[in-house]
Every structure is written in C-alpha cells, then in structure tokens.
Amino acid sequence: MSGKTVRSYRYRNITRPVARAGLLLSAGLLFAGAFPTVVHAMPVNVGDAMTAATAYHDHGEYERDFTSVIQEASAWVRLRAAHVSKPALVLDIDETSLSNWPEMAANHFAYFRDGRCDSLPEGPCGVEAWEQSARAKAFPATLALYTQAQEHDVAVFFITGRREREREETARNLEEAGYHNWAGLVLREDGSHTPSASEYKSAARRAIEQKGYHIIANIGDQLSDLAGGHAERGFLLPNPFYRIP
C-alpha cells in the first residue's frame, strides 16, 4: 500500500531571528552609521541557527507544535482503528517516542560518536554512550497516543535507525519510559547499508504489511521516516535540530 498523506508541520518562529539578517545579507549591505559595508551573501549563521533552535525548544513552542501533530494523529487512529483488519501504528524512536534533548543540548547540536556523557549537562556526550545509558524520557503526547492505540487494539511497531547491537538498551529505555507490550521493535542490522534511511524504513513497513497488518499511521520526525509509502497516513513531527536523509 502506498502512503497518501504526509502531515508536515511548519515551524513558525525558529527562522525569525535569522531571517532579518538574511534580508540584509541578500541585499549585500550591512550599515554601520552612514557608511555601507559591502558583504557577500552567505548561508544562515550557524550560531544564530543554534540560538533560534534552543529558543524554539526552551520557550515551549516545540512542545506545542509537537503535541499538535500527535493530537491529529490520535484523532486519525481513533477514526480508522475499527474499520480495518489488524490495524497497526508505526513509530520512530528518537525525537518521536524518546527525547534526546539532554545529549543534543550538551553538544550544542553537534554530533559526537564518542564521549562518556558523565558530565551532563556539560558535553561532549557521545550518541552511542547516551543511547546505551537508556536515560531518554518519553514524549508525554506520544506515550498517550501509544496507550490509546493499544486500547483500540492497534498493534504498535517501533522502527528505528539505531543498530541491532543496541537492542537490549533500546528495549530497556522504552520500557522504563512507559512503553510496554509493543508488537515489534525493528533495528538496523549491524553493518548493513542502504542509500538512505527511507529505503530501510519503507522496507521494514512493507515487511509488517506482509504479516497481515494494515498500517493506518506512521509517525516520525524526519521525512525519511515517512517516505516510501506502506502506510495510510504519515505524520511529520517538528525537528529543527538535525536531519537524517
């Protein structure tokens, strides 16, 4: 089955702090007193982008936008659950079911593979060490959706880009965060390679369908979580913090 709809959320305020500067840069002029200084156009300043992303999270807009998308998904799950055979819900894990904010904030949104994460909130905090620590917290809105889905006899599957070698820690983190009795937890095989995350995830959804399930909703924070079909509807959560193609 091919996906029909992707719910994409527009971030309202994150670009505002840098948009004004961008207008000046695109014009090629920054004014110091009465004398213009000529500059070349350039990409968005990384420092400004980091400040805007942090403010978007800390001022509560991230949570509000996130919850809005989950609420729309919840309404859809309630609507469709009783009308298909073996309904299923697919959830991504990172920045969908579990929040990695402590690791991201400590690293100022940079990616570190190494780092023991023993000085939080100071970094560096390596991604693998963080995931293996199983300290990520559930998003309350996603956990509520998860509970609702199970109450409506919807099987819930997690499909994550994490590797198979992290299965034990990932399962423990999900359990401790409040996710219990899922129908499946799909991780990437160690050493496997696909051109994009979307190819791996769409193949995983196809495999779920081949078991007789009807995926009524697929939820993730990356377009690559949703691309490739094999779900009635896709719901895209806000994530200005990183991109996975």
C-alpha atoms as a PDB file:
ATOM      1  CA  MET A   1       0.000   0.000   0.000  1.00  0.00           C
ATOM      2  CA  SER A   2       1.330   3.437  -0.854  1.00  0.00           C
ATOM      3  CA  GLY A   3       1.157   6.299   1.630  1.00  0.00           C
ATOM      4  CA  LYS A   4      -1.351   9.004   0.727  1.00  0.00           C
ATOM      5  CA  THR A   5      -0.814  11.904   3.097  1.00  0.00           C
ATOM      6  CA  VAL A   6       2.127  13.311   4.984  1.00  0.00           C
ATOM      7  CA  ARG A   7       1.351  15.772   7.764  1.00  0.00           C
ATOM      8  CA  SER A   8       4.116  18.349   7.600  1.00  0.00           C
ATOM      9  CA  TYR A   9       4.371  20.998  10.322  1.00  0.00           C
ATOM     10  CA  ARG A  10       5.706  24.476   9.629  1.00  0.00           C
ATOM     11  CA  TYR A  11       7.884  25.875  12.380  1.00  0.00           C
ATOM     12  CA  ARG A  12       6.598  29.362  12.997  1.00  0.00           C
ATOM     13  CA  ASN A  13       9.321  31.160  14.919  1.00  0.00           C
ATOM     14  CA  ILE A  14      12.595  29.311  14.548  1.00  0.00           C
ATOM     15  CA  THR A  15      13.669  31.192  11.423  1.00  0.00           C
ATOM     16  CA  ARG A  16      12.694  34.661  12.597  1.00  0.00           C
ATOM     17  CA  PRO A  17      15.931  35.598  14.386  1.00  0.00           C
ATOM     18  CA  VAL A  18      17.973  34.816  11.307  1.00  0.00           C
ATOM     19  CA  ALA A  19      15.500  35.892   8.644  1.00  0.00           C
ATOM     20  CA  ARG A  20      16.074  39.597   9.280  1.00  0.00           C
ATOM     21  CA  ALA A  21      19.817  39.161   8.992  1.00  0.00           C
ATOM     22  CA  GLY A  22      19.275  37.150   5.824  1.00  0.00           C
ATOM     23  CA  LEU A  23      17.431  40.077   4.214  1.00  0.00           C
ATOM     24  CA  LEU A  24      20.404  42.329   4.846  1.00  0.00           C
ATOM     25  CA  LEU A  25      22.871  39.746   3.638  1.00  0.00           C
ATOM     26  CA  SER A  26      20.946  39.042   0.452  1.00  0.00           C
ATOM     27  CA  ALA A  27      20.939  42.766  -0.274  1.00  0.00           C
ATOM     28  CA  GLY A  28      24.705  42.725   0.119  1.00  0.00           C
ATOM     29  CA  LEU A  29      24.771  45.558   2.629  1.00  0.00           C
ATOM     30  CA  LEU A  30      25.148  45.967   6.373  1.00  0.00           C
ATOM     31  CA  PHE A  31      25.072  49.559   7.573  1.00  0.00           C
ATOM     32  CA  ALA A  32      27.484  50.964  10.140  1.00  0.00           C
ATOM     33  CA  GLY A  33      26.421  54.553  10.718  1.00  0.00           C
ATOM     34  CA  ALA A  34      26.037  56.353   7.423  1.00  0.00           C
ATOM     35  CA  PHE A  35      28.586  54.237   5.567  1.00  0.00           C
ATOM     36  CA  PRO A  36      27.551  50.925   3.997  1.00  0.00           C
ATOM     37  CA  THR A  37      29.814  47.909   4.339  1.00  0.00           C
ATOM     38  CA  VAL A  38      29.637  45.542   1.406  1.00  0.00           C
ATOM     39  CA  VAL A  39      29.430  41.838   2.289  1.00  0.00           C
ATOM     40  CA  HIS A  40      28.815  38.737   0.242  1.00  0.00           C
ATOM     41  CA  ALA A  41      25.666  36.679   0.678  1.00  0.00           C
ATOM     42  CA  MET A  42      26.253  33.579   2.806  1.00  0.00           C
ATOM     43  CA  PRO A  43      24.310  30.723   4.409  1.00  0.00           C
ATOM     44  CA  VAL A  44      22.474  31.199   7.702  1.00  0.00           C
ATOM     45  CA  ASN A  45      24.959  31.769  10.504  1.00  0.00           C
ATOM     46  CA  VAL A  46      25.331  28.551  12.495  1.00  0.00           C
ATOM     47  CA  GLY A  47      25.473  30.410  15.802  1.00  0.00           C
ATOM     48  CA  ASP A  48      22.195  32.188  15.015  1.00  0.00           C
ATOM     49  CA  ALA A  49      20.583  28.915  13.990  1.00  0.00           C
ATOM     50  CA  MET A  50      21.662  27.277  17.263  1.00  0.00           C
ATOM     51  CA  THR A  51      20.254  30.179  19.274  1.00  0.00           C
ATOM     52  CA  ALA A  52      16.956  30.028  17.396  1.00  0.00           C
ATOM     53  CA  ALA A  53      16.643  26.245  17.781  1.00  0.00           C
ATOM     54  CA  THR A  54      17.331  26.459  21.518  1.00  0.00           C
ATOM     55  CA  ALA A  55      14.767  29.225  21.960  1.00  0.00           C
ATOM     56  CA  TYR A  56      12.191  27.243  19.982  1.00  0.00           C
ATOM     57  CA  HIS A  57      12.642  24.369  22.452  1.00  0.00           C
ATOM     58  CA  ASP A  58      13.011  26.351  25.667  1.00  0.00           C
ATOM     59  CA  HIS A  59      10.106  28.752  25.074  1.00  0.00           C
ATOM     60  CA  GLY A  60       7.634  25.896  24.712  1.00  0.00           C
ATOM     61  CA  GLU A  61       6.778  26.219  21.046  1.00  0.00           C
ATOM     62  CA  TYR A  62       8.484  22.947  20.160  1.00  0.00           C
ATOM     63  CA  GLU A  63       6.326  21.047  22.634  1.00  0.00           C
ATOM     64  CA  ARG A  64       3.154  22.789  21.451  1.00  0.00           C
ATOM     65  CA  ASP A  65       3.864  22.093  17.786  1.00  0.00           C
ATOM     66  CA  PHE A  66       4.866  18.501  18.569  1.00  0.00           C
ATOM     67  CA  THR A  67       1.702  17.903  20.589  1.00  0.00           C
ATOM     68  CA  SER A  68      -0.472  19.402  17.850  1.00  0.00           C
ATOM     69  CA  VAL A  69       0.779  16.855  15.312  1.00  0.00           C
ATOM     70  CA  ILE A  70       0.349  13.958  17.776  1.00  0.00           C
ATOM     71  CA  GLN A  71      -3.205  15.056  18.527  1.00  0.00           C
ATOM     72  CA  GLU A  72      -4.053  14.996  14.834  1.00  0.00           C
ATOM     73  CA  ALA A  73      -2.529  11.526  14.569  1.00  0.00           C
ATOM     74  CA  SER A  74      -4.530  10.397  17.619  1.00  0.00           C
ATOM     75  CA  ALA A  75      -7.783  11.517  16.019  1.00  0.00           C
ATOM     76  CA  TRP A  76      -6.893   9.591  12.869  1.00  0.00           C
ATOM     77  CA  VAL A  77      -6.018   6.418  14.789  1.00  0.00           C
ATOM     78  CA  ARG A  78      -9.323   6.566  16.678  1.00  0.00           C
ATOM     79  CA  LEU A  79     -11.188   7.075  13.408  1.00  0.00           C
ATOM     80  CA  ARG A  80      -9.549   4.234  11.482  1.00  0.00           C
ATOM     81  CA  ALA A  81      -8.862   1.585  14.121  1.00  0.00           C
ATOM     82  CA  ALA A  82     -12.261  -0.099  13.946  1.00  0.00           C
ATOM     83  CA  HIS A  83     -12.504  -0.049  10.158  1.00  0.00           C
ATOM     84  CA  VAL A  84      -9.549  -2.204   9.112  1.00  0.00           C
ATOM     85  CA  SER A  85      -8.319  -5.684   9.888  1.00  0.00           C
ATOM     86  CA  LYS A  86      -5.229  -5.895  12.122  1.00  0.00           C
ATOM     87  CA  PRO A  87      -4.627  -2.130  12.381  1.00  0.00           C
ATOM     88  CA  ALA A  88      -1.073  -1.043  13.163  1.00  0.00           C
ATOM     89  CA  LEU A  89       0.726   2.129  14.174  1.00  0.00           C
ATOM     90  CA  VAL A  90       4.412   2.682  13.333  1.00  0.00           C
ATOM     91  CA  LEU A  91       6.528   4.973  15.498  1.00  0.00           C
ATOM     92  CA  ASP A  92      10.080   6.199  15.065  1.00  0.00           C
ATOM     93  CA  ILE A  93      12.022   6.317  18.356  1.00  0.00           C
ATOM     94  CA  ASP A  94      14.425   9.280  18.562  1.00  0.00           C
ATOM     95  CA  GLU A  95      12.658  12.661  18.736  1.00  0.00           C
ATOM     96  CA  THR A  96       9.368  10.827  18.188  1.00  0.00           C
ATOM     97  CA  SER A  97       8.939   8.432  21.113  1.00  0.00           C
ATOM     98  CA  LEU A  98      12.018   9.303  23.185  1.00  0.00           C
ATOM     99  CA  SER A  99      13.638  12.711  23.647  1.00  0.00           C
ATOM    100  CA  ASN A 100      17.414  13.068  23.357  1.00  0.00           C
ATOM    101  CA  TRP A 101      17.390  16.719  24.406  1.00  0.00           C
ATOM    102  CA  PRO A 102      19.998  16.360  27.205  1.00  0.00           C
ATOM    103  CA  GLU A 103      22.514  14.923  24.719  1.00  0.00           C
ATOM    104  CA  MET A 104      21.699  17.435  21.977  1.00  0.00           C
ATOM    105  CA  ALA A 105      21.852  20.445  24.303  1.00  0.00           C
ATOM    106  CA  ALA A 106      25.150  19.301  25.851  1.00  0.00           C
ATOM    107  CA  ASN A 107      26.676  19.014  22.368  1.00  0.00           C
ATOM    108  CA  HIS A 108      25.154  22.266  21.039  1.00  0.00           C
ATOM    109  CA  PHE A 109      23.549  20.144  18.290  1.00  0.00           C
ATOM    110  CA  ALA A 110      26.883  18.774  17.084  1.00  0.00           C
ATOM    111  CA  TYR A 111      27.277  15.030  16.511  1.00  0.00           C
ATOM    112  CA  PHE A 112      29.775  13.213  18.715  1.00  0.00           C
ATOM    113  CA  ARG A 113      30.135   9.458  18.422  1.00  0.00           C
ATOM    114  CA  ASP A 114      32.466   9.335  21.436  1.00  0.00           C
ATOM    115  CA  GLY A 115      32.095  10.879  24.862  1.00  0.00           C
ATOM    116  CA  ARG A 116      31.057   9.272  28.130  1.00  0.00           C
ATOM    117  CA  CYS A 117      28.060  11.512  28.964  1.00  0.00           C
ATOM    118  CA  ASP A 118      29.102  11.538  32.619  1.00  0.00           C
ATOM    119  CA  SER A 119      29.254  15.340  32.962  1.00  0.00           C
ATOM    120  CA  LEU A 120      25.755  16.327  31.798  1.00  0.00           C
ATOM    121  CA  PRO A 121      24.568  18.973  31.277  1.00  0.00           C
ATOM    122  CA  GLU A 122      28.114  19.569  30.045  1.00  0.00           C
ATOM    123  CA  GLY A 123      29.386  17.754  26.952  1.00  0.00           C
ATOM    124  CA  PRO A 124      30.692  16.164  24.959  1.00  0.00           C
ATOM    125  CA  CYS A 125      28.149  13.391  25.182  1.00  0.00           C
ATOM    126  CA  GLY A 126      28.605  10.672  22.581  1.00  0.00           C
ATOM    127  CA  VAL A 127      25.466   9.489  20.816  1.00  0.00           C
ATOM    128  CA  GLU A 128      26.169   5.803  21.387  1.00  0.00           C
ATOM    129  CA  ALA A 129      27.013   6.299  25.058  1.00  0.00           C
ATOM    130  CA  TRP A 130      23.821   8.292  25.518  1.00  0.00           C
ATOM    131  CA  GLU A 131      21.632   5.692  23.826  1.00  0.00           C
ATOM    132  CA  GLN A 132      23.261   2.864  25.760  1.00  0.00           C
ATOM    133  CA  SER A 133      22.631   4.696  29.028  1.00  0.00           C
ATOM    134  CA  ALA A 134      18.853   4.280  28.420  1.00  0.00           C
ATOM    135  CA  ARG A 135      18.138   7.644  30.061  1.00  0.00           C
ATOM    136  CA  ALA A 136      15.949   9.213  27.376  1.00  0.00           C
ATOM    137  CA  LYS A 137      12.467  10.241  28.517  1.00  0.00           C
ATOM    138  CA  ALA A 138       9.207   9.634  26.686  1.00  0.00           C
ATOM    139  CA  PHE A 139       7.360  12.464  24.999  1.00  0.00           C
ATOM    140  CA  PRO A 140       4.136  12.630  27.052  1.00  0.00           C
ATOM    141  CA  ALA A 141       1.983  13.175  23.964  1.00  0.00           C
ATOM    142  CA  THR A 142       3.449  10.156  22.154  1.00  0.00           C
ATOM    143  CA  LEU A 143       3.099   7.963  25.223  1.00  0.00           C
ATOM    144  CA  ALA A 144      -0.575   8.963  25.483  1.00  0.00           C
ATOM    145  CA  LEU A 145      -1.069   8.088  21.806  1.00  0.00           C
ATOM    146  CA  TYR A 146       0.667   4.750  22.367  1.00  0.00           C
ATOM    147  CA  THR A 147      -1.696   3.911  25.236  1.00  0.00           C
ATOM    148  CA  GLN A 148      -4.719   4.996  23.231  1.00  0.00           C
ATOM    149  CA  ALA A 149      -3.680   2.865  20.265  1.00  0.00           C
ATOM    150  CA  GLN A 150      -3.401  -0.230  22.434  1.00  0.00           C
ATOM    151  CA  GLU A 151      -6.810   0.481  23.990  1.00  0.00           C
ATOM    152  CA  HIS A 152      -8.245   0.401  20.454  1.00  0.00           C
ATOM    153  CA  ASP A 153      -6.494  -2.897  19.647  1.00  0.00           C
ATOM    154  CA  VAL A 154      -3.946  -1.236  17.369  1.00  0.00           C
ATOM    155  CA  ALA A 155      -0.597  -3.048  17.233  1.00  0.00           C
ATOM    156  CA  VAL A 156       2.333  -0.665  17.718  1.00  0.00           C
ATOM    157  CA  PHE A 157       5.678  -1.178  15.978  1.00  0.00           C
ATOM    158  CA  PHE A 158       8.852   0.821  16.528  1.00  0.00           C
ATOM    159  CA  ILE A 159      11.163   1.256  13.529  1.00  0.00           C
ATOM    160  CA  THR A 160      14.438   2.968  14.389  1.00  0.00           C
ATOM    161  CA  GLY A 161      17.725   3.770  12.732  1.00  0.00           C
ATOM    162  CA  ARG A 162      19.539   2.509  15.821  1.00  0.00           C
ATOM    163  CA  ARG A 163      21.637  -0.612  15.252  1.00  0.00           C
ATOM    164  CA  GLU A 164      20.853  -4.153  16.349  1.00  0.00           C
ATOM    165  CA  ARG A 165      23.754  -4.074  18.813  1.00  0.00           C
ATOM    166  CA  GLU A 166      21.721  -1.578  20.859  1.00  0.00           C
ATOM    167  CA  ARG A 167      18.571  -3.699  21.068  1.00  0.00           C
ATOM    168  CA  GLU A 168      18.834  -4.522  24.765  1.00  0.00           C
ATOM    169  CA  GLU A 169      19.471  -0.926  25.851  1.00  0.00           C
ATOM    170  CA  THR A 170      16.824   0.458  23.490  1.00  0.00           C
ATOM    171  CA  ALA A 171      14.183  -2.007  24.690  1.00  0.00           C
ATOM    172  CA  ARG A 172      15.049  -1.227  28.312  1.00  0.00           C
ATOM    173  CA  ASN A 173      14.800   2.512  27.681  1.00  0.00           C
ATOM    174  CA  LEU A 174      11.389   2.131  26.037  1.00  0.00           C
ATOM    175  CA  GLU A 175      10.130   0.003  28.915  1.00  0.00           C
ATOM    176  CA  GLU A 176      11.433   2.364  31.579  1.00  0.00           C
ATOM    177  CA  ALA A 177       9.922   5.331  29.730  1.00  0.00           C
ATOM    178  CA  GLY A 178       6.486   3.692  29.851  1.00  0.00           C
ATOM    179  CA  TYR A 179       6.158   1.873  26.524  1.00  0.00           C
ATOM    180  CA  HIS A 180       5.083  -1.700  27.230  1.00  0.00           C
ATOM    181  CA  ASN A 181       3.875  -4.674  25.170  1.00  0.00           C
ATOM    182  CA  TRP A 182       4.724  -3.386  21.701  1.00  0.00           C
ATOM    183  CA  ALA A 183       4.162  -5.628  18.701  1.00  0.00           C
ATOM    184  CA  GLY A 184       7.647  -5.228  17.275  1.00  0.00           C
ATOM    185  CA  LEU A 185      10.953  -3.381  17.574  1.00  0.00           C
ATOM    186  CA  VAL A 186      12.863  -3.100  14.291  1.00  0.00           C
ATOM    187  CA  LEU A 187      16.525  -2.015  14.332  1.00  0.00           C
ATOM    188  CA  ARG A 188      19.062  -1.846  11.517  1.00  0.00           C
ATOM    189  CA  GLU A 189      21.290  -4.860  11.158  1.00  0.00           C
ATOM    190  CA  ASP A 190      24.866  -4.188  12.221  1.00  0.00           C
ATOM    191  CA  GLY A 191      26.984  -3.491   9.157  1.00  0.00           C
ATOM    192  CA  SER A 192      24.001  -3.104   6.823  1.00  0.00           C
ATOM    193  CA  HIS A 193      23.914  -0.226   4.359  1.00  0.00           C
ATOM    194  CA  THR A 194      21.153   1.410   2.333  1.00  0.00           C
ATOM    195  CA  PRO A 195      21.416   4.600   0.277  1.00  0.00           C
ATOM    196  CA  SER A 196      19.013   6.344   2.656  1.00  0.00           C
ATOM    197  CA  ALA A 197      17.096   5.809   5.870  1.00  0.00           C
ATOM    198  CA  SER A 198      13.865   5.975   3.871  1.00  0.00           C
ATOM    199  CA  GLU A 199      14.720   2.808   1.936  1.00  0.00           C
ATOM    200  CA  TYR A 200      15.421   0.857   5.120  1.00  0.00           C
ATOM    201  CA  LYS A 201      12.289   2.114   6.878  1.00  0.00           C
ATOM    202  CA  SER A 202       9.896   1.653   3.959  1.00  0.00           C
ATOM    203  CA  ALA A 203      11.161  -1.935   3.565  1.00  0.00           C
ATOM    204  CA  ALA A 204      10.528  -2.510   7.279  1.00  0.00           C
ATOM    205  CA  ARG A 205       6.953  -1.242   6.918  1.00  0.00           C
ATOM    206  CA  ARG A 206       6.432  -3.472   3.895  1.00  0.00           C
ATOM    207  CA  ALA A 207       7.557  -6.440   5.989  1.00  0.00           C
ATOM    208  CA  ILE A 208       4.951  -5.529   8.626  1.00  0.00           C
ATOM    209  CA  GLU A 209       2.252  -5.426   5.950  1.00  0.00           C
ATOM    210  CA  GLN A 210       3.333  -8.818   4.704  1.00  0.00           C
ATOM    211  CA  LYS A 211       2.482 -10.177   8.151  1.00  0.00           C
ATOM    212  CA  GLY A 212      -1.118  -9.122   7.556  1.00  0.00           C
ATOM    213  CA  TYR A 213      -1.111  -5.767   9.361  1.00  0.00           C
ATOM    214  CA  HIS A 214      -2.727  -2.648   7.958  1.00  0.00           C
ATOM    215  CA  ILE A 215      -0.612   0.405   8.897  1.00  0.00           C
ATOM    216  CA  ILE A 216      -3.073   3.209   9.499  1.00  0.00           C
ATOM    217  CA  ALA A 217      -0.495   5.754  10.683  1.00  0.00           C
ATOM    218  CA  ASN A 218       3.262   6.243  10.526  1.00  0.00           C
ATOM    219  CA  ILE A 219       4.831   8.926  12.727  1.00  0.00           C
ATOM    220  CA  GLY A 220       8.354  10.329  12.658  1.00  0.00           C
ATOM    221  CA  ASP A 221      10.421  13.497  12.895  1.00  0.00           C
ATOM    222  CA  GLN A 222      12.242  13.091   9.556  1.00  0.00           C
ATOM    223  CA  LEU A 223      10.892  12.991   6.030  1.00  0.00           C
ATOM    224  CA  SER A 224      12.963   9.825   5.630  1.00  0.00           C
ATOM    225  CA  ASP A 225      10.808   8.228   8.362  1.00  0.00           C
ATOM    226  CA  LEU A 226       7.750   8.645   6.158  1.00  0.00           C
ATOM    227  CA  ALA A 227       8.914   8.392   2.559  1.00  0.00           C
ATOM    228  CA  GLY A 228       8.275   5.257   0.542  1.00  0.00           C
ATOM    229  CA  GLY A 229       4.647   4.586   1.403  1.00  0.00           C
ATOM    230  CA  HIS A 230       3.310   1.480   3.143  1.00  0.00           C
ATOM    231  CA  ALA A 231       1.049   3.478   5.462  1.00  0.00           C
ATOM    232  CA  GLU A 232      -2.323   5.162   5.048  1.00  0.00           C
ATOM    233  CA  ARG A 233      -1.091   8.436   6.505  1.00  0.00           C
ATOM    234  CA  GLY A 234       2.213   9.860   7.643  1.00  0.00           C
ATOM    235  CA  PHE A 235       2.611  12.491  10.344  1.00  0.00           C
ATOM    236  CA  LEU A 236       5.756  14.629  10.392  1.00  0.00           C
ATOM    237  CA  LEU A 237       6.818  15.977  13.780  1.00  0.00           C
ATOM    238  CA  PRO A 238       8.894  19.171  14.122  1.00  0.00           C
ATOM    239  CA  ASN A 239      12.657  18.690  14.418  1.00  0.00           C
ATOM    240  CA  PRO A 240      14.932  21.623  13.562  1.00  0.00           C
ATOM    241  CA  PHE A 241      17.812  20.029  15.497  1.00  0.00           C
ATOM    242  CA  TYR A 242      19.227  17.548  12.975  1.00  0.00           C
ATOM    243  CA  ARG A 243      18.499  15.969   9.589  1.00  0.00           C
ATOM    244  CA  ILE A 244      18.668  12.299   8.533  1.00  0.00           C
ATOM    245  CA  PRO A 245      18.350  11.808   4.746  1.00  0.00           C
END
